[in-house]
Protein backbone atom coordinates (compact mmCIF):
# COMPACT_ATOMS: atom_id res chain seq x y z
CA MET A 1 -7.76 14.51 37.00
CA SER A 2 -9.30 12.34 34.25
CA VAL A 3 -7.47 9.27 33.02
CA ASP A 4 -7.49 8.76 29.26
CA VAL A 5 -9.19 5.58 28.10
CA ALA A 6 -7.39 3.48 25.50
CA VAL A 7 -9.10 2.42 22.29
CA PRO A 8 -10.35 -1.18 22.78
CA ARG A 9 -7.98 -3.79 21.34
CA LEU A 10 -10.52 -6.52 20.78
CA PRO A 11 -10.46 -9.43 18.31
CA LEU A 12 -12.66 -8.75 15.31
CA LEU A 13 -15.16 -11.38 16.42
CA ARG A 14 -15.90 -9.40 19.62
CA LEU A 15 -16.77 -6.17 17.84
CA ARG A 16 -20.29 -5.01 17.00
CA CYS A 17 -19.38 -4.90 13.30
CA SER A 18 -18.89 -8.71 13.32
CA THR A 19 -22.68 -9.03 13.16
CA SER A 20 -22.91 -6.93 9.99
CA GLU A 21 -23.70 -8.72 6.75
CA LEU A 22 -20.29 -7.92 5.26
CA VAL A 23 -18.14 -9.09 8.18
CA ARG A 24 -20.37 -12.05 8.97
CA SER A 25 -19.91 -13.27 5.40
CA LEU A 26 -16.14 -12.75 5.69
CA LEU A 27 -15.98 -14.71 8.97
CA GLU A 28 -17.96 -17.58 7.48
CA ARG A 29 -15.57 -17.74 4.52
CA LYS A 30 -12.38 -17.24 6.54
CA PRO A 31 -12.99 -17.94 10.27
CA GLN A 32 -9.40 -16.98 11.12
CA TRP A 33 -10.39 -13.33 10.64
CA GLY A 34 -12.33 -13.53 13.90
CA HIS A 35 -9.16 -13.81 15.98
CA VAL A 36 -7.30 -10.91 14.34
CA THR A 37 -6.45 -8.01 16.68
CA PRO A 38 -5.65 -4.44 15.55
CA GLY A 39 -2.39 -4.07 13.64
CA GLU A 40 -2.48 -0.28 13.91
CA GLU A 41 -4.45 2.37 15.78
CA ARG A 42 -4.72 6.08 15.01
CA ILE A 43 -6.26 8.64 17.37
CA ASP A 44 -7.24 12.16 16.35
CA GLY A 45 -8.91 13.94 19.27
CA ASP A 46 -12.19 12.22 19.97
CA ARG A 47 -12.04 10.06 16.86
CA ALA A 48 -9.99 6.92 16.35
CA VAL A 49 -9.44 4.16 13.84
CA SER A 50 -8.39 0.55 14.43
CA CYS A 51 -7.01 -1.39 11.46
CA TYR A 52 -7.47 -5.16 11.17
CA ARG A 53 -5.58 -7.26 8.60
CA LEU A 54 -5.17 -11.00 8.15
CA ASP A 55 -1.81 -10.90 6.34
CA PRO A 56 0.63 -8.15 5.31
CA GLU A 57 -0.61 -7.72 1.72
CA SER A 58 -4.34 -8.38 2.14
CA PHE A 59 -7.12 -5.81 2.30
CA PHE A 60 -7.77 -4.44 5.79
CA LEU A 61 -10.75 -3.32 7.83
CA GLN A 62 -10.92 0.14 9.40
CA VAL A 63 -13.12 0.30 12.49
CA GLN A 64 -14.15 3.84 13.45
CA TRP A 65 -14.43 4.89 17.10
CA ARG A 66 -15.90 8.00 18.74
CA ARG A 67 -16.03 9.38 22.27
CA SER A 68 -17.74 12.37 23.88
CA GLY A 69 -14.52 13.69 25.44
CA GLN A 70 -11.14 12.82 26.92
CA GLY A 71 -11.46 10.21 29.63
CA GLU A 72 -14.78 8.98 28.25
CA PRO A 73 -15.20 5.44 26.88
CA TRP A 74 -14.91 4.82 23.14
CA SER A 75 -17.96 3.84 21.14
CA GLU A 76 -17.65 1.68 18.02
CA ARG A 77 -19.06 3.30 14.89
CA ASP A 78 -18.67 2.35 11.23
CA ILE A 79 -16.42 -0.12 9.44
CA THR A 80 -14.70 0.41 6.09
CA VAL A 81 -13.03 -2.12 3.80
CA VAL A 82 -9.72 -0.72 2.50
CA PRO A 83 -8.11 -2.51 -0.45
CA GLY A 84 -4.62 -3.78 0.22
CA SER A 85 -1.96 -2.78 -2.28
CA VAL A 86 1.69 -3.03 -3.24
CA VAL A 87 2.69 0.19 -5.01
CA ALA A 88 6.16 0.57 -6.51
CA LEU A 89 8.23 2.46 -9.03
CA ARG A 90 9.44 -0.05 -11.60
CA LEU A 91 12.25 0.65 -14.05
CA VAL A 92 13.16 -1.90 -16.71
CA LEU A 93 16.83 -1.49 -17.58
CA ASP A 94 18.92 -2.33 -20.62
CA ASP A 95 22.58 -1.43 -20.15
CA LEU A 96 22.07 0.93 -17.20
CA ALA A 97 23.47 -0.32 -13.89
CA PRO A 98 20.97 -0.38 -10.98
CA ASP A 99 23.56 1.32 -8.75
CA ALA A 100 23.55 4.31 -11.11
CA VAL A 101 19.77 4.68 -10.63
CA THR A 102 20.17 4.41 -6.86
CA ARG A 103 22.84 7.13 -6.78
CA ALA A 104 20.93 9.46 -9.10
CA LEU A 105 17.61 9.23 -7.23
CA GLY A 106 18.97 8.86 -3.71
CA LEU A 107 16.49 6.04 -3.10
CA GLN A 108 17.28 2.51 -2.04
CA PRO A 109 15.62 -0.13 -4.21
CA THR A 110 13.39 -2.78 -2.72
CA ARG A 111 14.77 -5.14 -5.36
CA ALA A 112 17.22 -4.61 -8.19
CA TRP A 113 19.41 -6.54 -10.61
CA ALA A 114 21.35 -5.79 -13.77
CA LYS A 115 20.92 -7.19 -17.24
CA GLY A 116 23.09 -10.31 -17.49
CA ASP A 117 23.00 -11.10 -13.76
CA LYS A 118 22.29 -14.70 -12.86
CA GLY A 119 18.68 -15.44 -12.05
CA PRO A 120 17.23 -18.02 -9.61
CA SER A 121 18.56 -20.76 -11.88
CA ALA A 122 22.36 -20.73 -12.18
CA ARG A 123 22.03 -21.63 -15.85
CA ARG A 124 19.98 -18.58 -16.76
CA PHE A 125 20.96 -14.96 -17.02
CA ARG A 126 18.64 -11.97 -16.70
CA GLU A 127 17.56 -10.72 -20.12
CA GLU A 128 16.83 -7.26 -18.70
CA GLY A 129 17.71 -5.29 -15.64
CA LEU A 130 15.17 -4.18 -13.07
CA TRP A 131 15.03 -1.51 -10.36
CA ILE A 132 12.04 -1.42 -7.99
CA HIS A 133 11.25 0.94 -5.11
CA GLU A 134 8.14 0.18 -3.05
CA VAL A 135 6.49 2.86 -0.89
CA PHE A 136 4.91 2.23 2.53
CA PRO A 137 5.61 -1.53 2.37
CA ARG A 138 3.03 -3.39 4.45
CA GLY A 139 1.63 -0.08 5.69
CA PHE A 140 -2.03 0.58 6.45
CA HIS A 141 -2.61 3.03 3.61
CA TRP A 142 -5.11 3.46 0.80
CA PRO A 143 -3.65 2.61 -2.64
CA GLU A 144 -4.18 6.21 -3.74
CA GLU A 145 -2.10 7.43 -0.77
CA LYS A 146 0.78 5.21 -1.82
CA VAL A 147 0.66 6.46 -5.40
CA GLY A 148 0.61 10.05 -4.14
CA GLU A 149 3.65 9.40 -1.93
CA LEU A 150 5.59 7.91 -4.83
CA LEU A 151 4.75 10.81 -7.13
CA ALA A 152 5.84 13.28 -4.46
CA LEU A 153 9.17 11.45 -4.06
CA LEU A 154 9.92 11.66 -7.78
CA LYS A 155 8.84 15.31 -8.13
CA ALA A 156 11.34 16.20 -5.41
CA ARG A 157 14.25 14.61 -7.30
CA PRO A 158 15.70 16.76 -10.11
CA ALA A 159 17.71 13.80 -11.45
CA TRP A 160 14.52 11.90 -12.28
CA ARG A 161 14.36 13.50 -15.75
CA ASP A 162 17.85 12.28 -16.54
CA VAL A 163 17.06 8.77 -15.32
CA VAL A 164 13.76 8.34 -17.16
CA GLY A 165 15.25 9.90 -20.30
CA SER A 166 18.23 7.58 -20.34
CA ARG A 167 18.56 5.12 -23.22
CA GLY A 168 19.31 2.51 -20.59
CA VAL A 169 15.72 2.69 -19.27
CA THR A 170 13.32 0.81 -21.55
CA TRP A 171 10.19 1.14 -19.37
CA ALA A 172 9.26 3.30 -16.42
CA GLY A 173 6.03 3.09 -14.51
CA ILE A 174 4.13 2.77 -11.27
CA THR A 175 2.82 -0.71 -10.61
CA VAL A 176 -0.17 -1.24 -8.33
CA ARG A 177 -1.06 -4.72 -7.14
CA PHE A 178 -4.56 -4.21 -5.77
CA HIS A 179 -5.93 -6.70 -3.22
CA GLY A 180 -9.70 -6.39 -2.92
CA CYS A 181 -12.21 -8.18 -0.71
CA LEU A 182 -14.63 -10.67 -2.30
CA GLU A 183 -17.48 -9.26 -0.21
CA GLN A 184 -16.70 -5.67 -1.19
CA MET A 185 -14.02 -5.04 -3.80
CA GLY A 186 -13.88 -1.26 -3.48
CA GLY A 187 -12.35 0.93 -6.16
CA PHE A 188 -9.19 2.69 -7.25
CA ALA A 189 -9.43 6.27 -8.51
CA LEU A 190 -6.64 8.83 -8.89
CA GLU A 191 -7.24 12.57 -8.73
CA GLN A 192 -6.79 14.68 -11.83
CA ALA A 193 -3.61 16.21 -10.41
CA GLN A 194 -2.11 12.74 -9.89
CA LEU A 195 -2.92 11.74 -13.46
CA GLU A 196 -1.25 14.94 -14.68
CA ASP A 197 1.82 14.12 -12.57
CA LEU A 198 2.01 10.66 -14.15
CA VAL A 199 2.08 12.25 -17.60
CA GLY A 200 4.52 14.96 -16.54
CA LEU A 201 6.91 12.43 -15.03
CA VAL A 202 6.68 10.19 -18.12
CA LEU A 203 5.31 7.25 -16.14
CA GLN A 204 3.06 4.40 -17.19
CA LEU A 205 0.48 2.99 -14.77
CA ASP A 206 0.11 -0.78 -14.47
CA VAL A 207 -2.71 -2.08 -12.23
CA ASP A 208 -3.18 -5.73 -11.30
CA LEU A 209 -6.41 -6.67 -9.48
CA VAL A 210 -6.88 -9.70 -7.26
CA ALA A 211 -9.54 -10.57 -4.69
CA ASP A 212 -8.93 -12.28 -1.35
């Protein structure tokens, strides 16, 4: 009986890819990357992926593994830089209570406050309300995957039309904070069907790009 062999959980510095031009440049710029171990592993038959990330919102590195069969050792293959991202539904509110949005959509907000609530300074009051729901927080996902998940959530909620059409909502959109890598920024491209869903759901798209 063959014993399955686990995917190697090695620090980035001990992988073959650390000698590549891209990763070598990254390690020279930020040596702490060399000590990072996989934050997530995914196995699909004789293929596997290990994901390396320095902090929860940074870009991450996907290391590909292959093996010839169950019980055989894993062989390191290619490496891919995946942009990090924070993707969220953002509703700017006038006189609509955040709790009303929560009840209508059946989604818990990541952050929310009402117009007139006190802000960080006790002397100031919020000039507008806000309701934010982030998808896959800190997950190892491509930005496009997160946008797709958020669109699917809204399409499955009949009350969305009532919420977005309310006079109490002054802006509705999907915000994408995109964290690229200085050595290889990567890109962000939505499929035609996703763009059509944005229009159909009356959503704006706001993208903010930064490089780590």
